[in-house]
PDB file of all heavy atoms in Angstrom:
ATOM      1  N   VAL A   1     -85.467  14.308  94.491  1.00  0.00           N
ATOM      2  CA  VAL A   1     -85.565  13.524  95.713  1.00  0.00           C
ATOM      3  C   VAL A   1     -84.449  13.992  96.638  1.00  0.00           C
ATOM      4  O   VAL A   1     -83.287  14.046  96.235  1.00  0.00           O
ATOM      5  CB  VAL A   1     -85.425  12.022  95.434  1.00  0.00           C
ATOM      6  CG1 VAL A   1     -85.409  11.242  96.739  1.00  0.00           C
ATOM      7  CG2 VAL A   1     -86.551  11.527  94.531  1.00  0.00           C
ATOM      8  N   GLN A   2     -84.814  14.332  97.849  1.00  0.00           N
ATOM      9  CA  GLN A   2     -83.826  14.703  98.845  1.00  0.00           C
ATOM     10  C   GLN A   2     -83.617  13.521  99.786  1.00  0.00           C
ATOM     11  O   GLN A   2     -84.596  12.914 100.245  1.00  0.00           O
ATOM     12  CB  GLN A   2     -84.277  15.926  99.644  1.00  0.00           C
ATOM     13  CG  GLN A   2     -84.319  17.212  98.839  1.00  0.00           C
ATOM     14  CD  GLN A   2     -85.565  17.313  97.958  1.00  0.00           C
ATOM     15  OE1 GLN A   2     -86.663  16.967  98.375  1.00  0.00           O
ATOM     16  NE2 GLN A   2     -85.374  17.779  96.736  1.00  0.00           N
ATOM     17  N   LEU A   3     -82.363  13.231 100.062  1.00  0.00           N
ATOM     18  CA  LEU A   3     -82.012  12.087 100.907  1.00  0.00           C
ATOM     19  C   LEU A   3     -81.146  12.570 102.068  1.00  0.00           C
ATOM     20  O   LEU A   3     -80.168  13.297 101.847  1.00  0.00           O
ATOM     21  CB  LEU A   3     -81.256  11.040 100.100  1.00  0.00           C
ATOM     22  CG  LEU A   3     -81.989  10.467  98.880  1.00  0.00           C
ATOM     23  CD1 LEU A   3     -81.055   9.583  98.066  1.00  0.00           C
ATOM     24  CD2 LEU A   3     -83.222   9.694  99.304  1.00  0.00           C
ATOM     25  N   VAL A   4     -81.502  12.140 103.270  1.00  0.00           N
ATOM     26  CA  VAL A   4     -80.751  12.538 104.458  1.00  0.00           C
ATOM     27  C   VAL A   4     -80.425  11.290 105.275  1.00  0.00           C
ATOM     28  O   VAL A   4     -81.337  10.627 105.790  1.00  0.00           O
ATOM     29  CB  VAL A   4     -81.531  13.544 105.317  1.00  0.00           C
ATOM     30  CG1 VAL A   4     -80.720  13.910 106.554  1.00  0.00           C
ATOM     31  CG2 VAL A   4     -81.880  14.785 104.502  1.00  0.00           C
ATOM     32  N   GLU A   5     -79.135  10.995 105.384  1.00  0.00           N
ATOM     33  CA  GLU A   5     -78.688   9.845 106.162  1.00  0.00           C
ATOM     34  C   GLU A   5     -78.482  10.228 107.621  1.00  0.00           C
ATOM     35  O   GLU A   5     -78.186  11.385 107.938  1.00  0.00           O
ATOM     36  CB  GLU A   5     -77.369   9.283 105.625  1.00  0.00           C
ATOM     37  CG  GLU A   5     -77.374   8.838 104.184  1.00  0.00           C
ATOM     38  CD  GLU A   5     -76.824   9.899 103.249  1.00  0.00           C
ATOM     39  OE1 GLU A   5     -76.888  11.100 103.619  1.00  0.00           O
ATOM     40  OE2 GLU A   5     -76.325   9.538 102.176  1.00  0.00           O
ATOM     41  N   SER A   6     -78.606   9.242 108.480  1.00  0.00           N
ATOM     42  CA  SER A   6     -78.315   9.412 109.905  1.00  0.00           C
ATOM     43  C   SER A   6     -77.937   8.057 110.474  1.00  0.00           C
ATOM     44  O   SER A   6     -78.143   7.019 109.839  1.00  0.00           O
ATOM     45  CB  SER A   6     -79.513  10.000 110.646  1.00  0.00           C
ATOM     46  OG  SER A   6     -80.631   9.136 110.543  1.00  0.00           O
ATOM     47  N   GLY A   7     -77.383   8.088 111.677  1.00  0.00           N
ATOM     48  CA  GLY A   7     -77.091   6.854 112.385  1.00  0.00           C
ATOM     49  C   GLY A   7     -75.633   6.449 112.409  1.00  0.00           C
ATOM     50  O   GLY A   7     -75.278   5.457 113.042  1.00  0.00           O
ATOM     51  N   GLY A   8     -74.788   7.215 111.731  1.00  0.00           N
ATOM     52  CA  GLY A   8     -73.371   6.891 111.773  1.00  0.00           C
ATOM     53  C   GLY A   8     -72.773   7.191 113.130  1.00  0.00           C
ATOM     54  O   GLY A   8     -73.416   7.769 114.016  1.00  0.00           O
ATOM     55  N   GLY A   9     -71.522   6.779 113.308  1.00  0.00           N
ATOM     56  CA  GLY A   9     -70.850   7.039 114.569  1.00  0.00           C
ATOM     57  C   GLY A   9     -69.633   6.169 114.734  1.00  0.00           C
ATOM     58  O   GLY A   9     -69.144   5.554 113.775  1.00  0.00           O
ATOM     59  N   LEU A  10     -69.152   6.128 115.961  1.00  0.00           N
ATOM     60  CA  LEU A  10     -67.971   5.343 116.316  1.00  0.00           C
ATOM     61  C   LEU A  10     -68.412   4.099 117.077  1.00  0.00           C
ATOM     62  O   LEU A  10     -69.186   4.199 118.033  1.00  0.00           O
ATOM     63  CB  LEU A  10     -67.023   6.180 117.168  1.00  0.00           C
ATOM     64  CG  LEU A  10     -65.798   5.461 117.744  1.00  0.00           C
ATOM     65  CD1 LEU A  10     -64.890   4.980 116.620  1.00  0.00           C
ATOM     66  CD2 LEU A  10     -65.050   6.394 118.692  1.00  0.00           C
ATOM     67  N   VAL A  11     -67.909   2.959 116.653  1.00  0.00           N
ATOM     68  CA  VAL A  11     -68.272   1.707 117.294  1.00  0.00           C
ATOM     69  C   VAL A  11     -67.048   0.801 117.323  1.00  0.00           C
ATOM     70  O   VAL A  11     -66.175   0.902 116.454  1.00  0.00           O
ATOM     71  CB  VAL A  11     -69.449   1.036 116.553  1.00  0.00           C
ATOM     72  CG1 VAL A  11     -69.058   0.648 115.139  1.00  0.00           C
ATOM     73  CG2 VAL A  11     -69.998  -0.155 117.323  1.00  0.00           C
ATOM     74  N   GLN A  12     -66.989  -0.060 118.301  1.00  0.00           N
ATOM     75  CA  GLN A  12     -65.886  -1.015 118.369  1.00  0.00           C
ATOM     76  C   GLN A  12     -66.126  -2.174 117.408  1.00  0.00           C
ATOM     77  O   GLN A  12     -67.276  -2.493 117.065  1.00  0.00           O
ATOM     78  CB  GLN A  12     -65.728  -1.552 119.784  1.00  0.00           C
ATOM     79  CG  GLN A  12     -65.155  -0.550 120.762  1.00  0.00           C
ATOM     80  CD  GLN A  12     -64.820  -1.185 122.109  1.00  0.00           C
ATOM     81  OE1 GLN A  12     -65.460  -2.137 122.518  1.00  0.00           O
ATOM     82  NE2 GLN A  12     -63.825  -0.637 122.784  1.00  0.00           N
ATOM     83  N   ALA A  13     -65.050  -2.802 116.999  1.00  0.00           N
ATOM     84  CA  ALA A  13     -65.167  -3.977 116.137  1.00  0.00           C
ATOM     85  C   ALA A  13     -66.072  -5.013 116.807  1.00  0.00           C
ATOM     86  O   ALA A  13     -66.002  -5.235 118.021  1.00  0.00           O
ATOM     87  CB  ALA A  13     -63.793  -4.564 115.868  1.00  0.00           C
ATOM     88  N   GLY A  14     -66.934  -5.599 115.998  1.00  0.00           N
ATOM     89  CA  GLY A  14     -67.902  -6.550 116.509  1.00  0.00           C
ATOM     90  C   GLY A  14     -69.231  -5.938 116.881  1.00  0.00           C
ATOM     91  O   GLY A  14     -70.209  -6.653 117.117  1.00  0.00           O
ATOM     92  N   GLY A  15     -69.272  -4.618 116.928  1.00  0.00           N
ATOM     93  CA  GLY A  15     -70.496  -3.920 117.292  1.00  0.00           C
ATOM     94  C   GLY A  15     -71.445  -3.742 116.115  1.00  0.00           C
ATOM     95  O   GLY A  15     -71.205  -4.243 115.015  1.00  0.00           O
ATOM     96  N   SER A  16     -72.516  -3.005 116.383  1.00  0.00           N
ATOM     97  CA  SER A  16     -73.566  -2.803 115.392  1.00  0.00           C
ATOM     98  C   SER A  16     -73.944  -1.342 115.285  1.00  0.00           C
ATOM     99  O   SER A  16     -73.820  -0.580 116.257  1.00  0.00           O
ATOM    100  CB  SER A  16     -74.817  -3.603 115.770  1.00  0.00           C
ATOM    101  OG  SER A  16     -74.563  -4.986 115.800  1.00  0.00           O
ATOM    102  N   LEU A  17     -74.408  -0.968 114.117  1.00  0.00           N
ATOM    103  CA  LEU A  17     -75.001   0.341 113.873  1.00  0.00           C
ATOM    104  C   LEU A  17     -76.157   0.169 112.903  1.00  0.00           C
ATOM    105  O   LEU A  17     -76.146  -0.744 112.072  1.00  0.00           O
ATOM    106  CB  LEU A  17     -73.983   1.316 113.264  1.00  0.00           C
ATOM    107  CG  LEU A  17     -72.938   1.954 114.159  1.00  0.00           C
ATOM    108  CD1 LEU A  17     -71.963   2.767 113.316  1.00  0.00           C
ATOM    109  CD2 LEU A  17     -73.577   2.835 115.209  1.00  0.00           C
ATOM    110  N   ARG A  18     -77.108   1.065 112.992  1.00  0.00           N
ATOM    111  CA  ARG A  18     -78.220   1.075 112.047  1.00  0.00           C
ATOM    112  C   ARG A  18     -78.272   2.438 111.385  1.00  0.00           C
ATOM    113  O   ARG A  18     -78.504   3.447 112.060  1.00  0.00           O
ATOM    114  CB  ARG A  18     -79.544   0.798 112.738  1.00  0.00           C
ATOM    115  CG  ARG A  18     -80.711   0.607 111.771  1.00  0.00           C
ATOM    116  CD  ARG A  18     -82.028   0.704 112.491  1.00  0.00           C
ATOM    117  NE  ARG A  18     -83.130   0.152 111.731  1.00  0.00           N
ATOM    118  CZ  ARG A  18     -84.412   0.453 111.962  1.00  0.00           C
ATOM    119  NH1 ARG A  18     -84.726   1.276 112.953  1.00  0.00           N
ATOM    120  NH2 ARG A  18     -85.369  -0.103 111.229  1.00  0.00           N
ATOM    121  N   LEU A  19     -78.046   2.457 110.101  1.00  0.00           N
ATOM    122  CA  LEU A  19     -78.145   3.691 109.339  1.00  0.00           C
ATOM    123  C   LEU A  19     -79.560   3.859 108.799  1.00  0.00           C
ATOM    124  O   LEU A  19     -80.211   2.886 108.429  1.00  0.00           O
ATOM    125  CB  LEU A  19     -77.158   3.683 108.169  1.00  0.00           C
ATOM    126  CG  LEU A  19     -75.692   3.435 108.506  1.00  0.00           C
ATOM    127  CD1 LEU A  19     -74.844   3.560 107.245  1.00  0.00           C
ATOM    128  CD2 LEU A  19     -75.201   4.378 109.579  1.00  0.00           C
ATOM    129  N   SER A  20     -80.005   5.090 108.761  1.00  0.00           N
ATOM    130  CA  SER A  20     -81.307   5.421 108.188  1.00  0.00           C
ATOM    131  C   SER A  20     -81.108   6.447 107.080  1.00  0.00           C
ATOM    132  O   SER A  20     -80.175   7.255 107.130  1.00  0.00           O
ATOM    133  CB  SER A  20     -82.250   5.999 109.244  1.00  0.00           C
ATOM    134  OG  SER A  20     -82.499   5.070 110.266  1.00  0.00           O
ATOM    135  N   CYS A  21     -81.982   6.419 106.125  1.00  0.00           N
ATOM    136  CA  CYS A  21     -81.956   7.391 105.041  1.00  0.00           C
ATOM    137  C   CYS A  21     -83.400   7.806 104.771  1.00  0.00           C
ATOM    138  O   CYS A  21     -84.202   7.008 104.283  1.00  0.00           O
ATOM    139  CB  CYS A  21     -81.328   6.788 103.792  1.00  0.00           C
ATOM    140  SG  CYS A  21     -81.423   7.839 102.316  1.00  0.00           S
ATOM    141  N   ALA A  22     -83.710   9.042 105.120  1.00  0.00           N
ATOM    142  CA  ALA A  22     -85.059   9.565 104.943  1.00  0.00           C
ATOM    143  C   ALA A  22     -85.153  10.297 103.616  1.00  0.00           C
ATOM    144  O   ALA A  22     -84.318  11.152 103.312  1.00  0.00           O
ATOM    145  CB  ALA A  22     -85.408  10.497 106.092  1.00  0.00           C
ATOM    146  N   ALA A  23     -86.170   9.964 102.852  1.00  0.00           N
ATOM    147  CA  ALA A  23     -86.361  10.571 101.537  1.00  0.00           C
ATOM    148  C   ALA A  23     -87.541  11.526 101.556  1.00  0.00           C
ATOM    149  O   ALA A  23     -88.508  11.337 102.291  1.00  0.00           O
ATOM    150  CB  ALA A  23     -86.593   9.484 100.495  1.00  0.00           C
ATOM    151  N   SER A  24     -87.448  12.540 100.738  1.00  0.00           N
ATOM    152  CA  SER A  24     -88.563  13.468 100.540  1.00  0.00           C
ATOM    153  C   SER A  24     -88.549  13.932  99.100  1.00  0.00           C
ATOM    154  O   SER A  24     -87.529  13.855  98.412  1.00  0.00           O
ATOM    155  CB  SER A  24     -88.466  14.661 101.497  1.00  0.00           C
ATOM    156  OG  SER A  24     -87.274  15.386 101.269  1.00  0.00           O
ATOM    157  N   GLY A  25     -89.686  14.407  98.652  1.00  0.00           N
ATOM    158  CA  GLY A  25     -89.782  14.857  97.270  1.00  0.00           C
ATOM    159  C   GLY A  25     -90.712  13.957  96.490  1.00  0.00           C
ATOM    160  O   GLY A  25     -91.880  13.859  96.804  1.00  0.00           O
ATOM    161  N   ARG A  26     -90.188  13.268  95.524  1.00  0.00           N
ATOM    162  CA  ARG A  26     -91.011  12.423  94.669  1.00  0.00           C
ATOM    163  C   ARG A  26     -91.388  11.120  95.358  1.00  0.00           C
ATOM    164  O   ARG A  26     -90.903  10.807  96.430  1.00  0.00           O
ATOM    165  CB  ARG A  26     -90.272  12.162  93.351  1.00  0.00           C
ATOM    166  CG  ARG A  26     -90.065  13.432  92.543  1.00  0.00           C
ATOM    167  CD  ARG A  26     -89.475  13.169  91.194  1.00  0.00           C
ATOM    168  NE  ARG A  26     -89.362  14.403  90.419  1.00  0.00           N
ATOM    169  CZ  ARG A  26     -88.825  14.474  89.216  1.00  0.00           C
ATOM    170  NH1 ARG A  26     -88.369  13.366  88.637  1.00  0.00           N
ATOM    171  NH2 ARG A  26     -88.757  15.621  88.583  1.00  0.00           N
ATOM    172  N   THR A  27     -92.263  10.369  94.726  1.00  0.00           N
ATOM    173  CA  THR A  27     -92.792   9.147  95.318  1.00  0.00           C
ATOM    174  C   THR A  27     -91.671   8.144  95.573  1.00  0.00           C
ATOM    175  O   THR A  27     -91.025   7.652  94.650  1.00  0.00           O
ATOM    176  CB  THR A  27     -93.846   8.526  94.392  1.00  0.00           C
ATOM    177  OG1 THR A  27     -94.865   9.491  94.131  1.00  0.00           O
ATOM    178  CG2 THR A  27     -94.450   7.290  95.053  1.00  0.00           C
ATOM    179  N   PHE A  28     -91.466   7.848  96.851  1.00  0.00           N
ATOM    180  CA  PHE A  28     -90.353   6.999  97.272  1.00  0.00           C
ATOM    181  C   PHE A  28     -90.424   5.620  96.631  1.00  0.00           C
ATOM    182  O   PHE A  28     -89.403   5.062  96.223  1.00  0.00           O
ATOM    183  CB  PHE A  28     -90.387   6.912  98.795  1.00  0.00           C
ATOM    184  CG  PHE A  28     -89.288   6.111  99.403  1.00  0.00           C
ATOM    185  CD1 PHE A  28     -87.962   6.524  99.274  1.00  0.00           C
ATOM    186  CD2 PHE A  28     -89.555   4.966 100.134  1.00  0.00           C
ATOM    187  CE1 PHE A  28     -86.940   5.814  99.852  1.00  0.00           C
ATOM    188  CE2 PHE A  28     -88.544   4.237 100.722  1.00  0.00           C
ATOM    189  CZ  PHE A  28     -87.227   4.668 100.579  1.00  0.00           C
ATOM    190  N   SER A  29     -91.621   5.080  96.521  1.00  0.00           N
ATOM    191  CA  SER A  29     -91.757   3.710  96.016  1.00  0.00           C
ATOM    192  C   SER A  29     -91.496   3.601  94.510  1.00  0.00           C
ATOM    193  O   SER A  29     -91.519   2.497  93.960  1.00  0.00           O
ATOM    194  CB  SER A  29     -93.144   3.151  96.349  1.00  0.00           C
ATOM    195  OG  SER A  29     -94.149   3.958  95.780  1.00  0.00           O
ATOM    196  N   ASN A  30     -91.237   4.700  93.853  1.00  0.00           N
ATOM    197  CA  ASN A  30     -90.864   4.655  92.438  1.00  0.00           C
ATOM    198  C   ASN A  30     -89.374   4.386  92.237  1.00  0.00           C
ATOM    199  O   ASN A  30     -88.918   4.265  91.093  1.00  0.00           O
ATOM    200  CB  ASN A  30     -91.212   5.969  91.742  1.00  0.00           C
ATOM    201  CG  ASN A  30     -92.699   6.079  91.435  1.00  0.00           C
ATOM    202  OD1 ASN A  30     -93.418   5.084  91.435  1.00  0.00           O
ATOM    203  ND2 ASN A  30     -93.160   7.287  91.188  1.00  0.00           N
ATOM    204  N   TYR A  31     -88.650   4.287  93.339  1.00  0.00           N
ATOM    205  CA  TYR A  31     -87.197   4.188  93.262  1.00  0.00           C
ATOM    206  C   TYR A  31     -86.665   2.940  93.933  1.00  0.00           C
ATOM    207  O   TYR A  31     -87.128   2.558  95.016  1.00  0.00           O
ATOM    208  CB  TYR A  31     -86.550   5.407  93.916  1.00  0.00           C
ATOM    209  CG  TYR A  31     -86.819   6.703  93.186  1.00  0.00           C
ATOM    210  CD1 TYR A  31     -87.991   7.413  93.403  1.00  0.00           C
ATOM    211  CD2 TYR A  31     -85.908   7.199  92.261  1.00  0.00           C
ATOM    212  CE1 TYR A  31     -88.245   8.598  92.716  1.00  0.00           C
ATOM    213  CE2 TYR A  31     -86.148   8.379  91.583  1.00  0.00           C
ATOM    214  CZ  TYR A  31     -87.313   9.066  91.808  1.00  0.00           C
ATOM    215  OH  TYR A  31     -87.553  10.233  91.129  1.00  0.00           O
ATOM    216  N   GLY A  32     -85.654   2.329  93.282  1.00  0.00           N
ATOM    217  CA  GLY A  32     -84.812   1.415  94.011  1.00  0.00           C
ATOM    218  C   GLY A  32     -83.858   2.258  94.853  1.00  0.00           C
ATOM    219  O   GLY A  32     -83.612   3.431  94.558  1.00  0.00           O
TER     220      GLY A  32
END
Protein backbone atom coordinates (compact mmCIF):
# COMPACT_ATOMS: atom_id res chain seq x y z
CA VAL A 1 0.00 0.00 0.00
CA GLN A 2 1.40 3.37 -0.97
CA LEU A 3 0.35 6.34 1.13
CA VAL A 4 0.83 10.00 0.20
CA GLU A 5 -0.04 12.77 2.65
CA SER A 6 -0.83 16.35 1.71
CA GLY A 7 -2.31 19.45 3.24
CA GLY A 8 0.34 20.43 5.74
CA GLY A 9 1.60 23.97 6.09
CA LEU A 10 1.98 26.97 8.33
CA VAL A 11 -1.00 28.25 10.26
CA GLN A 12 -1.55 30.60 13.17
CA ALA A 13 -2.74 29.31 16.52
CA GLY A 14 -6.49 28.88 16.46
CA GLY A 15 -6.51 28.14 12.76
CA SER A 16 -7.41 25.00 10.86
CA LEU A 17 -5.84 22.59 8.41
CA ARG A 18 -7.13 19.51 6.65
CA LEU A 19 -4.68 16.73 5.96
CA SER A 20 -5.35 14.14 3.29
CA CYS A 21 -3.77 10.76 2.77
CA ALA A 22 -4.29 9.08 -0.59
CA ALA A 23 -3.78 5.33 -0.74
CA SER A 24 -3.00 3.11 -3.69
CA GLY A 25 -2.19 -0.54 -4.11
CA ARG A 26 -4.25 -3.03 -2.17
CA THR A 27 -7.91 -2.71 -1.27
CA PHE A 28 -8.18 0.36 0.93
CA SER A 29 -11.23 -0.88 2.82
CA ASN A 30 -9.25 -3.86 4.12
CA TYR A 31 -7.27 -1.54 6.37
CA GLY A 32 -7.79 0.52 9.44
